Amino acid sequence: MATTLYAQKKTEGFRLVDNIDAKQIDVLYNDKLLTAYYYADSIKKPVLFPINTLSGITVTRGFPVTPREGEPVDHPHHIGLWLNYESVNGLDFWNHSTAIPYKDRSHYGTIVHDGVVKTEANKTKATLEVTARWINKGETILLRESTRYIFSVEEENFIIDRITTLDALNEDVYFNDVKDGFFAIRVARELQHPSDKPEIFVDSKGNPTTVAALNNEGVSGEYTSSESLKGNAVWGTRARWVSLIGKMNNQPVAIIIFDHSKNIGYPTYWHARGYGLFAANPLGQKVFSEGKTKLNFMMKKDESVTFRYRIVIRSGSDLSIPDIESLATSFEKEQK
């Protein structure tokens, strides 16, 4: 008997696919992966990983989840795009990873994915609402997290809005004023600043190898802030937004992170490092201001706080400063 084969119809726009076994929810656009909400227990926090441009360029570092040859292997807790902090009631949520010895893990906190509250997807936008709990080693819950991701496409821009509400459930919660936090992405090698410092990189077999003198071929990243600072001068300064622009696969690539005027500490300080860590930290002010300001943010039991961030991923053509300002303005209007 003859069998008729039907070509699978291509899906236009966004689609969310729940891969329960892999512990991830894929975010597809025109059937191509843009990112995934990834919540494997081993990474100690939910993240978006990987993150791709509309043309398929991966802007996030693969290590330690899917290492690629030529990548640095520092900071194994830098995975994809995430939100956490170095000191919450004395627990370090930022630096926790499987690289931490078991005997030391009582000093670290973990963010555990609880469940999916809502999913929506259409031709122009997708929404993913999830919950998580910030816990200590004894699984006492310090914070309940409710996060809404809004994924959208405008021309060549892949836009991710993250709106996160933290609730202090069982006790007062203290965010001590420290350097490492808060909303961050670890970028691919090509988007780092060129550097001549020795580092350890992954070789073709996935093994770490020390390289004394770096080859900066194809490495072209540069930060620019809304306050017109560039390069390493952006670190430790306040700005409404910061862009990281370079080239990958011979295409211009841009990553822009936007703060929101309703966030604590606006405009945020930037923990933006040339080696590929790109982070906004509104809660750590003492180090960045050289002691001129200090926050030590505290939430009373049953209080809540909401943070709003936008990140834009683009490839194929440059973004002008007026274009970036327009994206900042629309973010302010859409997330009032």
Protein backbone atom coordinates (compact mmCIF):
# COMPACT_ATOMS: atom_id res chain seq x y z
CA MET A 1 0.00 0.00 0.00
CA ALA A 2 1.37 3.40 -0.96
CA THR A 3 2.20 5.85 1.82
CA THR A 4 1.59 9.55 1.30
CA LEU A 5 4.15 11.82 2.90
CA TYR A 6 3.02 15.26 4.01
CA ALA A 7 5.56 18.04 4.46
CA GLN A 8 5.33 19.53 7.91
CA LYS A 9 3.94 23.04 7.70
CA LYS A 10 6.39 25.67 8.85
CA THR A 11 5.26 27.61 11.89
CA GLU A 12 5.26 31.38 11.46
CA GLY A 13 6.21 33.46 14.47
CA PHE A 14 6.81 32.20 18.00
CA ARG A 15 6.31 28.77 19.48
CA LEU A 16 7.19 27.47 22.96
CA VAL A 17 8.16 23.80 23.20
CA ASP A 18 8.38 22.10 26.60
CA ASN A 19 11.25 19.55 26.67
CA ILE A 20 10.62 18.09 30.10
CA ASP A 21 13.36 15.45 29.96
CA ALA A 22 15.98 18.08 29.08
CA LYS A 23 14.52 20.47 31.69
CA GLN A 24 14.10 23.28 29.23
CA ILE A 25 11.46 25.19 27.33
CA ASP A 26 12.58 26.09 23.82
CA VAL A 27 11.67 29.49 22.40
CA LEU A 28 11.30 29.06 18.64
CA TYR A 29 10.74 31.76 16.03
CA ASN A 30 9.86 30.60 12.52
CA ASP A 31 10.89 27.14 13.78
CA LYS A 32 14.42 28.31 14.67
CA LEU A 33 15.73 28.27 18.24
CA LEU A 34 16.25 31.74 19.68
CA THR A 35 16.76 30.68 23.29
CA ALA A 36 15.62 28.19 25.91
CA TYR A 37 14.52 28.54 29.50
CA TYR A 38 16.94 26.01 31.02
CA TYR A 39 16.54 24.79 34.61
CA ALA A 40 18.80 21.76 35.06
CA ASP A 41 19.63 21.12 38.74
CA SER A 42 23.36 21.15 38.00
CA ILE A 43 23.50 24.85 37.14
CA LYS A 44 22.00 25.96 40.49
CA LYS A 45 19.63 28.53 38.91
CA PRO A 46 17.29 28.82 35.92
CA VAL A 47 18.84 30.63 32.94
CA LEU A 48 18.17 31.47 29.32
CA PHE A 49 20.66 29.38 27.36
CA PRO A 50 21.80 29.53 24.64
CA ILE A 51 20.84 32.89 23.13
CA ASN A 52 20.89 33.28 19.35
CA THR A 53 20.37 36.16 16.97
CA LEU A 54 17.63 35.99 14.35
CA SER A 55 20.27 34.88 11.83
CA GLY A 56 21.37 32.00 14.06
CA ILE A 57 24.55 33.41 15.64
CA THR A 58 25.05 32.21 19.25
CA VAL A 59 26.08 35.19 21.39
CA THR A 60 26.43 33.31 24.69
CA ARG A 61 29.46 31.31 25.81
CA GLY A 62 28.91 27.54 25.68
CA PHE A 63 31.10 26.55 28.65
CA PRO A 64 30.38 24.74 30.92
CA VAL A 65 27.17 23.30 29.42
CA THR A 66 28.21 22.89 25.76
CA PRO A 67 31.89 23.97 25.52
CA ARG A 68 33.20 25.17 22.17
CA GLU A 69 36.82 25.14 21.10
CA GLY A 70 38.62 28.40 21.90
CA GLU A 71 36.39 29.42 24.80
CA PRO A 72 37.74 30.53 28.18
CA VAL A 73 36.82 28.26 31.10
CA ASP A 74 36.81 30.78 33.94
CA HIS A 75 33.78 31.36 36.18
CA PRO A 76 31.74 28.15 35.62
CA HIS A 77 28.72 29.88 37.20
CA HIS A 78 28.50 32.31 34.24
CA ILE A 79 25.88 30.55 32.09
CA GLY A 80 23.62 32.21 29.54
CA LEU A 81 21.42 35.02 30.87
CA TRP A 82 20.48 34.98 34.55
CA LEU A 83 19.46 36.98 37.64
CA ASN A 84 20.89 36.35 41.11
CA TYR A 85 23.14 37.90 43.75
CA GLU A 86 26.29 37.29 45.78
CA SER A 87 24.96 37.97 49.30
CA VAL A 88 21.37 37.26 50.36
CA ASN A 89 21.14 36.80 54.13
CA GLY A 90 24.81 35.86 53.95
CA LEU A 91 24.33 33.19 51.25
CA ASP A 92 26.14 33.41 47.93
CA PHE A 93 23.72 32.70 45.08
CA TRP A 94 25.97 34.23 42.40
CA ASN A 95 29.03 31.95 42.60
CA HIS A 96 27.29 28.63 43.21
CA SER A 97 28.07 25.84 40.74
CA THR A 98 29.10 22.19 40.70
CA ALA A 99 32.69 23.45 41.00
CA ILE A 100 32.01 24.31 44.67
CA PRO A 101 33.20 21.51 47.01
CA TYR A 102 30.39 19.80 48.93
CA LYS A 103 31.95 20.80 52.26
CA ASP A 104 31.54 24.49 51.33
CA ARG A 105 28.04 24.41 49.87
CA SER A 106 26.30 25.44 53.09
CA HIS A 107 27.55 28.97 52.33
CA TYR A 108 25.76 29.03 48.96
CA GLY A 109 22.16 29.45 47.90
CA THR A 110 20.28 27.77 45.05
CA ILE A 111 17.42 29.01 42.89
CA VAL A 112 15.08 26.11 42.09
CA HIS A 113 12.54 26.19 39.28
CA ASP A 114 9.06 25.43 40.61
CA GLY A 115 6.76 25.51 37.63
CA VAL A 116 5.24 27.21 34.63
CA VAL A 117 2.34 29.53 35.35
CA LYS A 118 1.48 30.66 31.84
CA THR A 119 2.60 30.36 28.21
CA GLU A 120 1.39 32.30 25.19
CA ALA A 121 2.80 32.49 21.68
CA ASN A 122 1.75 34.11 18.41
CA LYS A 123 3.34 35.54 15.29
CA THR A 124 4.94 38.52 17.00
CA LYS A 125 5.34 37.70 20.68
CA ALA A 126 5.71 34.91 23.24
CA THR A 127 5.22 35.08 26.99
CA LEU A 128 6.57 32.63 29.55
CA GLU A 129 5.67 33.00 33.23
CA VAL A 130 7.53 30.84 35.74
CA THR A 131 8.08 30.58 39.48
CA ALA A 132 11.14 29.62 41.50
CA ARG A 133 12.35 29.56 45.08
CA TRP A 134 15.62 30.93 46.50
CA ILE A 135 16.68 28.39 49.13
CA ASN A 136 19.53 27.58 51.50
CA LYS A 137 21.13 24.15 51.87
CA GLY A 138 18.35 23.09 54.27
CA GLU A 139 15.79 24.12 51.62
CA THR A 140 14.37 26.95 53.70
CA ILE A 141 12.83 29.43 51.27
CA LEU A 142 14.22 32.96 51.53
CA LEU A 143 12.53 34.37 48.44
CA ARG A 144 9.71 33.32 46.17
CA GLU A 145 10.41 34.42 42.61
CA SER A 146 7.79 35.11 39.94
CA THR A 147 9.26 35.91 36.53
CA ARG A 148 7.61 36.91 33.28
CA TYR A 149 9.67 36.68 30.09
CA ILE A 150 8.36 38.50 27.05
CA PHE A 151 10.03 37.53 23.77
CA SER A 152 9.46 39.65 20.68
CA VAL A 153 10.98 40.47 17.29
CA GLU A 154 11.24 43.88 15.68
CA GLU A 155 13.07 43.97 12.35
CA GLU A 156 16.53 42.49 13.15
CA ASN A 157 16.10 42.78 16.92
CA PHE A 158 15.39 39.82 19.19
CA ILE A 159 14.01 41.43 22.34
CA ILE A 160 13.78 39.80 25.76
CA ASP A 161 12.00 41.60 28.61
CA ARG A 162 12.40 40.06 32.05
CA ILE A 163 10.06 41.21 34.84
CA THR A 164 10.90 39.52 38.14
CA THR A 165 9.09 39.93 41.47
CA LEU A 166 10.78 38.66 44.64
CA ASP A 167 8.70 38.00 47.78
CA ALA A 168 10.26 37.65 51.24
CA LEU A 169 8.33 34.70 52.64
CA ASN A 170 9.63 33.58 56.03
CA GLU A 171 11.93 36.30 57.33
CA ASP A 172 13.48 39.68 56.60
CA VAL A 173 15.87 39.44 53.65
CA TYR A 174 19.12 41.42 53.39
CA PHE A 175 20.99 42.04 50.15
CA ASN A 176 24.40 43.10 51.41
CA ASP A 177 26.15 45.68 49.25
CA VAL A 178 28.55 43.57 47.15
CA LYS A 179 30.04 43.55 43.65
CA ASP A 180 28.71 40.35 42.08
CA GLY A 181 25.18 40.65 40.70
CA PHE A 182 22.52 41.00 39.46
CA PHE A 183 21.12 40.72 35.90
CA ALA A 184 23.84 39.27 33.69
CA ILE A 185 24.89 37.55 30.49
CA ARG A 186 28.18 35.76 29.67
CA VAL A 187 29.04 36.37 26.04
CA ALA A 188 30.91 34.42 23.38
CA ARG A 189 34.68 34.82 22.98
CA GLU A 190 34.29 36.98 19.85
CA LEU A 191 32.41 39.63 21.86
CA GLN A 192 35.05 39.95 24.56
CA HIS A 193 37.42 42.89 24.58
CA PRO A 194 40.77 42.01 22.96
CA SER A 195 43.27 41.04 25.68
CA ASP A 196 46.89 39.94 25.98
CA LYS A 197 46.51 38.26 29.39
CA PRO A 198 47.09 34.50 29.70
CA GLU A 199 43.95 32.43 30.16
CA ILE A 200 42.67 28.85 30.09
CA PHE A 201 40.64 27.81 27.03
CA VAL A 202 38.80 24.74 25.81
CA ASP A 203 40.64 22.77 23.12
CA SER A 204 39.16 20.75 20.24
CA LYS A 205 38.61 17.74 22.54
CA GLY A 206 36.88 19.76 25.25
CA ASN A 207 39.88 19.82 27.58
CA PRO A 208 41.08 22.98 29.36
CA THR A 209 44.39 24.27 28.04
CA THR A 210 46.48 27.17 29.35
CA VAL A 211 47.30 29.76 26.69
CA ALA A 212 50.06 32.21 27.65
CA ALA A 213 49.56 34.69 24.80
CA LEU A 214 46.04 35.19 23.50
CA ASN A 215 45.14 35.21 19.84
CA ASN A 216 42.76 38.14 19.44
CA GLU A 217 41.86 37.34 15.86
CA GLY A 218 38.09 37.75 15.52
CA VAL A 219 37.74 39.27 19.00
CA SER A 220 36.21 42.73 18.69
CA GLY A 221 33.78 43.53 21.50
CA GLU A 222 33.45 47.05 22.88
CA TYR A 223 31.09 48.47 25.50
CA THR A 224 29.36 51.84 25.09
CA SER A 225 27.13 53.38 27.77
CA SER A 226 24.25 55.84 27.56
CA GLU A 227 26.65 58.30 29.20
CA SER A 228 29.07 58.04 26.21
CA LEU A 229 31.73 56.00 28.02
CA LYS A 230 33.47 53.25 26.09
CA GLY A 231 35.39 50.04 26.70
CA ASN A 232 36.61 49.21 30.18
CA ALA A 233 35.69 52.73 31.33
CA VAL A 234 32.05 51.57 31.52
CA TRP A 235 32.78 49.29 34.50
CA GLY A 236 31.65 50.75 37.83
CA THR A 237 29.66 53.63 36.33
CA ARG A 238 25.95 54.37 36.24
CA ALA A 239 24.01 54.33 32.97
CA ARG A 240 20.48 53.81 31.69
CA TRP A 241 21.73 51.28 29.15
CA VAL A 242 24.96 49.73 27.92
CA SER A 243 25.65 48.16 24.52
CA LEU A 244 28.26 45.54 23.64
CA ILE A 245 29.07 45.60 19.93
CA GLY A 246 31.45 43.44 17.91
CA LYS A 247 31.55 41.07 14.96
CA MET A 248 30.74 37.38 14.67
CA ASN A 249 30.71 35.40 11.41
CA ASN A 250 31.68 38.66 9.68
CA GLN A 251 28.42 40.26 10.80
CA PRO A 252 27.91 43.18 13.18
CA VAL A 253 26.48 41.84 16.45
CA ALA A 254 25.03 43.93 19.27
CA ILE A 255 23.79 43.14 22.77
CA ILE A 256 22.12 45.99 24.66
CA ILE A 257 20.88 45.79 28.27
CA PHE A 258 18.38 48.40 29.45
CA ASP A 259 17.64 49.42 33.03
CA HIS A 260 14.15 50.68 33.95
CA SER A 261 13.36 53.86 35.87
CA LYS A 262 11.24 51.95 38.43
CA ASN A 263 14.13 49.68 39.42
CA ILE A 264 16.00 50.18 42.68
CA GLY A 265 19.19 52.18 42.23
CA TYR A 266 18.26 53.56 38.80
CA PRO A 267 20.32 54.22 36.79
CA THR A 268 22.15 51.03 37.71
CA TYR A 269 25.86 50.49 38.15
CA TRP A 270 27.45 48.24 35.50
CA HIS A 271 29.60 45.24 36.31
CA ALA A 272 30.72 44.99 32.66
CA ARG A 273 34.02 43.20 32.23
CA GLY A 274 36.16 42.93 29.13
CA TYR A 275 36.47 39.12 29.56
CA GLY A 276 32.79 38.66 28.71
CA LEU A 277 30.71 39.20 31.85
CA PHE A 278 28.06 41.83 31.07
CA ALA A 279 25.97 42.67 34.15
CA ALA A 280 23.76 45.35 35.67
CA ASN A 281 24.07 45.53 39.46
CA PRO A 282 21.73 48.01 41.19
CA LEU A 283 22.23 46.49 44.65
CA GLY A 284 26.02 46.71 44.91
CA GLN A 285 27.11 50.34 45.08
CA LYS A 286 30.01 50.64 47.51
CA VAL A 287 32.70 49.06 45.29
CA PHE A 288 31.57 50.84 42.14
CA SER A 289 31.34 54.27 43.78
CA GLU A 290 34.61 53.79 45.69
CA GLY A 291 32.73 54.12 48.97
CA LYS A 292 30.76 57.26 48.14
CA THR A 293 27.41 55.43 48.22
CA LYS A 294 26.23 52.27 49.95
CA LEU A 295 22.87 50.49 49.70
CA ASN A 296 22.47 47.26 51.75
CA PHE A 297 18.92 46.78 50.46
CA MET A 298 16.53 45.07 52.89
CA MET A 299 13.07 43.53 52.49
CA LYS A 300 10.81 43.01 55.48
CA LYS A 301 9.01 39.67 55.79
CA ASP A 302 6.02 39.61 53.38
CA GLU A 303 7.38 42.52 51.35
CA SER A 304 8.01 42.25 47.61
CA VAL A 305 10.14 44.04 45.04
CA THR A 306 10.01 44.00 41.24
CA PHE A 307 12.87 44.37 38.77
CA ARG A 308 12.41 45.11 35.07
CA TYR A 309 15.10 44.61 32.42
CA ARG A 310 15.26 44.49 28.64
CA ILE A 311 17.98 42.89 26.54
CA VAL A 312 18.18 43.26 22.77
CA ILE A 313 20.14 40.81 20.60
CA ARG A 314 20.88 41.89 17.02
CA SER A 315 23.01 40.86 14.06
CA GLY A 316 23.35 41.89 10.44
CA SER A 317 23.46 45.67 10.74
CA ASP A 318 24.48 48.35 13.20
CA LEU A 319 22.20 50.08 15.71
CA SER A 320 22.52 53.85 16.01
CA ILE A 321 22.33 55.67 19.33
CA PRO A 322 18.89 57.12 18.39
CA ASP A 323 17.73 53.54 17.64
CA ILE A 324 18.90 52.40 21.08
CA GLU A 325 17.23 55.37 22.77
CA SER A 326 14.00 54.51 20.96
CA LEU A 327 14.17 50.95 22.33
CA ALA A 328 14.73 52.38 25.83
CA THR A 329 11.73 54.68 25.48
CA SER A 330 9.44 51.88 24.29
CA PHE A 331 10.57 49.70 27.21
CA GLU A 332 9.65 52.44 29.68
CA LYS A 333 6.19 52.81 28.09
CA GLU A 334 5.47 49.08 27.86
CA GLN A 335 6.57 48.20 31.43
CA LYS A 336 5.10 51.02 33.51
